[in-house]
Amino acid sequence: MARVRMYCTRVGPYCVMATRLLTKKGQEIEKIFVDEDPSLRQRMIQESNGRTTVPQIFINDTHIGGYTDMASLDYNDSLDPLLES
């Protein structure tokens, strides 16, 4: 099973949708809540090459983007192989 890290907030709708999709696939998620610590948001921006929106999702330390990026991977049957690696 892949290691998934997700920079998120507790109430962001895209964060909730990303959690729902990953949970449906049986994936554990390491959530990093940027709304609790502003320094974490700065780290997220650096790690995601300047992206400021949440969620920002990493699979095995590879940045895949936000929820819509992940949903697109799922639609194209490219997400499951990433999660299985």
C-alpha atoms as a PDB file:
ATOM      1  CA  MET A   1       0.000   0.000   0.000  1.00  0.00           C
ATOM      2  CA  ALA A   2       1.254   3.459  -0.865  1.00  0.00           C
ATOM      3  CA  ARG A   3       2.048   6.203   1.599  1.00  0.00           C
ATOM      4  CA  VAL A   4      -0.414   9.059   1.134  1.00  0.00           C
ATOM      5  CA  ARG A   5       0.111  12.495   2.679  1.00  0.00           C
ATOM      6  CA  MET A   6      -2.518  15.158   2.281  1.00  0.00           C
ATOM      7  CA  TYR A   7      -2.234  18.801   3.268  1.00  0.00           C
ATOM      8  CA  CYS A   8      -5.789  19.788   4.103  1.00  0.00           C
ATOM      9  CA  THR A   9      -8.203  21.665   6.335  1.00  0.00           C
ATOM     10  CA  ARG A  10     -10.852  20.118   8.530  1.00  0.00           C
ATOM     11  CA  VAL A  11     -13.845  21.559   6.667  1.00  0.00           C
ATOM     12  CA  GLY A  12     -12.715  22.229   3.080  1.00  0.00           C
ATOM     13  CA  PRO A  13     -15.149  20.567   0.670  1.00  0.00           C
ATOM     14  CA  TYR A  14     -12.406  19.331  -1.662  1.00  0.00           C
ATOM     15  CA  CYS A  15     -10.514  17.974   1.347  1.00  0.00           C
ATOM     16  CA  VAL A  16     -13.610  16.055   2.390  1.00  0.00           C
ATOM     17  CA  MET A  17     -14.102  14.701  -1.137  1.00  0.00           C
ATOM     18  CA  ALA A  18     -10.440  13.645  -1.361  1.00  0.00           C
ATOM     19  CA  THR A  19     -10.701  11.856   1.985  1.00  0.00           C
ATOM     20  CA  ARG A  20     -13.877  10.127   0.848  1.00  0.00           C
ATOM     21  CA  LEU A  21     -12.313   8.889  -2.402  1.00  0.00           C
ATOM     22  CA  LEU A  22      -9.133   7.611  -0.739  1.00  0.00           C
ATOM     23  CA  THR A  23     -11.085   5.965   2.090  1.00  0.00           C
ATOM     24  CA  LYS A  24     -13.356   4.248  -0.444  1.00  0.00           C
ATOM     25  CA  LYS A  25     -10.221   2.752  -1.948  1.00  0.00           C
ATOM     26  CA  GLY A  26      -9.135   1.475   1.477  1.00  0.00           C
ATOM     27  CA  GLN A  27      -6.230   3.893   1.686  1.00  0.00           C
ATOM     28  CA  GLU A  28      -4.847   5.264   4.937  1.00  0.00           C
ATOM     29  CA  ILE A  29      -4.114   8.990   4.802  1.00  0.00           C
ATOM     30  CA  GLU A  30      -1.599  11.017   6.758  1.00  0.00           C
ATOM     31  CA  LYS A  31      -3.448  14.316   7.098  1.00  0.00           C
ATOM     32  CA  ILE A  32      -1.526  17.520   7.720  1.00  0.00           C
ATOM     33  CA  PHE A  33      -3.952  20.214   8.837  1.00  0.00           C
ATOM     34  CA  VAL A  34      -2.727  23.587   7.580  1.00  0.00           C
ATOM     35  CA  ASP A  35      -5.560  25.439   9.287  1.00  0.00           C
ATOM     36  CA  GLU A  36      -4.083  24.538  12.681  1.00  0.00           C
ATOM     37  CA  ASP A  37      -0.515  25.731  12.041  1.00  0.00           C
ATOM     38  CA  PRO A  38       0.369  28.458   9.498  1.00  0.00           C
ATOM     39  CA  SER A  39       3.932  27.146   9.179  1.00  0.00           C
ATOM     40  CA  LEU A  40       2.515  23.934   7.738  1.00  0.00           C
ATOM     41  CA  ARG A  41       0.843  25.928   4.958  1.00  0.00           C
ATOM     42  CA  GLN A  42       4.224  27.401   4.046  1.00  0.00           C
ATOM     43  CA  ARG A  43       5.729  23.906   3.933  1.00  0.00           C
ATOM     44  CA  MET A  44       2.837  22.767   1.707  1.00  0.00           C
ATOM     45  CA  ILE A  45       3.432  25.657  -0.697  1.00  0.00           C
ATOM     46  CA  GLN A  46       7.131  24.797  -0.946  1.00  0.00           C
ATOM     47  CA  GLU A  47       6.558  21.068  -1.436  1.00  0.00           C
ATOM     48  CA  SER A  48       3.817  21.590  -4.031  1.00  0.00           C
ATOM     49  CA  ASN A  49       5.808  24.063  -6.155  1.00  0.00           C
ATOM     50  CA  GLY A  50       3.788  27.104  -5.186  1.00  0.00           C
ATOM     51  CA  ARG A  51       0.269  25.726  -4.987  1.00  0.00           C
ATOM     52  CA  THR A  52      -1.729  27.435  -2.262  1.00  0.00           C
ATOM     53  CA  THR A  53      -5.049  25.587  -2.332  1.00  0.00           C
ATOM     54  CA  VAL A  54      -6.007  22.541  -0.314  1.00  0.00           C
ATOM     55  CA  PRO A  55      -5.881  19.667  -0.530  1.00  0.00           C
ATOM     56  CA  GLN A  56      -2.416  18.972  -1.879  1.00  0.00           C
ATOM     57  CA  ILE A  57      -1.896  15.231  -2.162  1.00  0.00           C
ATOM     58  CA  PHE A  58       1.331  13.239  -2.251  1.00  0.00           C
ATOM     59  CA  ILE A  59       1.546   9.535  -3.041  1.00  0.00           C
ATOM     60  CA  ASN A  60       4.873   7.969  -2.086  1.00  0.00           C
ATOM     61  CA  ASP A  61       6.379  11.482  -1.905  1.00  0.00           C
ATOM     62  CA  THR A  62       5.249  12.304  -5.468  1.00  0.00           C
ATOM     63  CA  HIS A  63       3.002  15.353  -5.687  1.00  0.00           C
ATOM     64  CA  ILE A  64      -0.122  14.476  -7.654  1.00  0.00           C
ATOM     65  CA  GLY A  65      -1.939  17.783  -7.083  1.00  0.00           C
ATOM     66  CA  GLY A  66      -5.311  18.531  -5.588  1.00  0.00           C
ATOM     67  CA  TYR A  67      -8.618  16.703  -5.497  1.00  0.00           C
ATOM     68  CA  THR A  68      -9.547  17.349  -9.119  1.00  0.00           C
ATOM     69  CA  ASP A  69      -6.135  16.100 -10.247  1.00  0.00           C
ATOM     70  CA  MET A  70      -6.609  12.939  -8.201  1.00  0.00           C
ATOM     71  CA  ALA A  71     -10.177  12.466  -9.454  1.00  0.00           C
ATOM     72  CA  SER A  72      -8.898  12.768 -13.020  1.00  0.00           C
ATOM     73  CA  LEU A  73      -6.297  10.073 -12.321  1.00  0.00           C
ATOM     74  CA  ASP A  74      -9.071   7.885 -10.921  1.00  0.00           C
ATOM     75  CA  TYR A  75     -11.303   8.495 -13.938  1.00  0.00           C
ATOM     76  CA  ASN A  76      -8.452   7.475 -16.251  1.00  0.00           C
ATOM     77  CA  ASP A  77      -7.727   4.324 -14.189  1.00  0.00           C
ATOM     78  CA  SER A  78      -4.307   5.709 -13.206  1.00  0.00           C
ATOM     79  CA  LEU A  79      -4.898   6.191  -9.472  1.00  0.00           C
ATOM     80  CA  ASP A  80      -5.152   2.556  -8.372  1.00  0.00           C
ATOM     81  CA  PRO A  81      -1.710   1.609  -9.730  1.00  0.00           C
ATOM     82  CA  LEU A  82      -0.192   4.532  -7.812  1.00  0.00           C
ATOM     83  CA  LEU A  83      -1.918   3.442  -4.605  1.00  0.00           C
ATOM     84  CA  GLU A  84      -0.781  -0.153  -5.051  1.00  0.00           C
ATOM     85  CA  SER A  85       2.885   0.727  -5.411  1.00  0.00           C
END
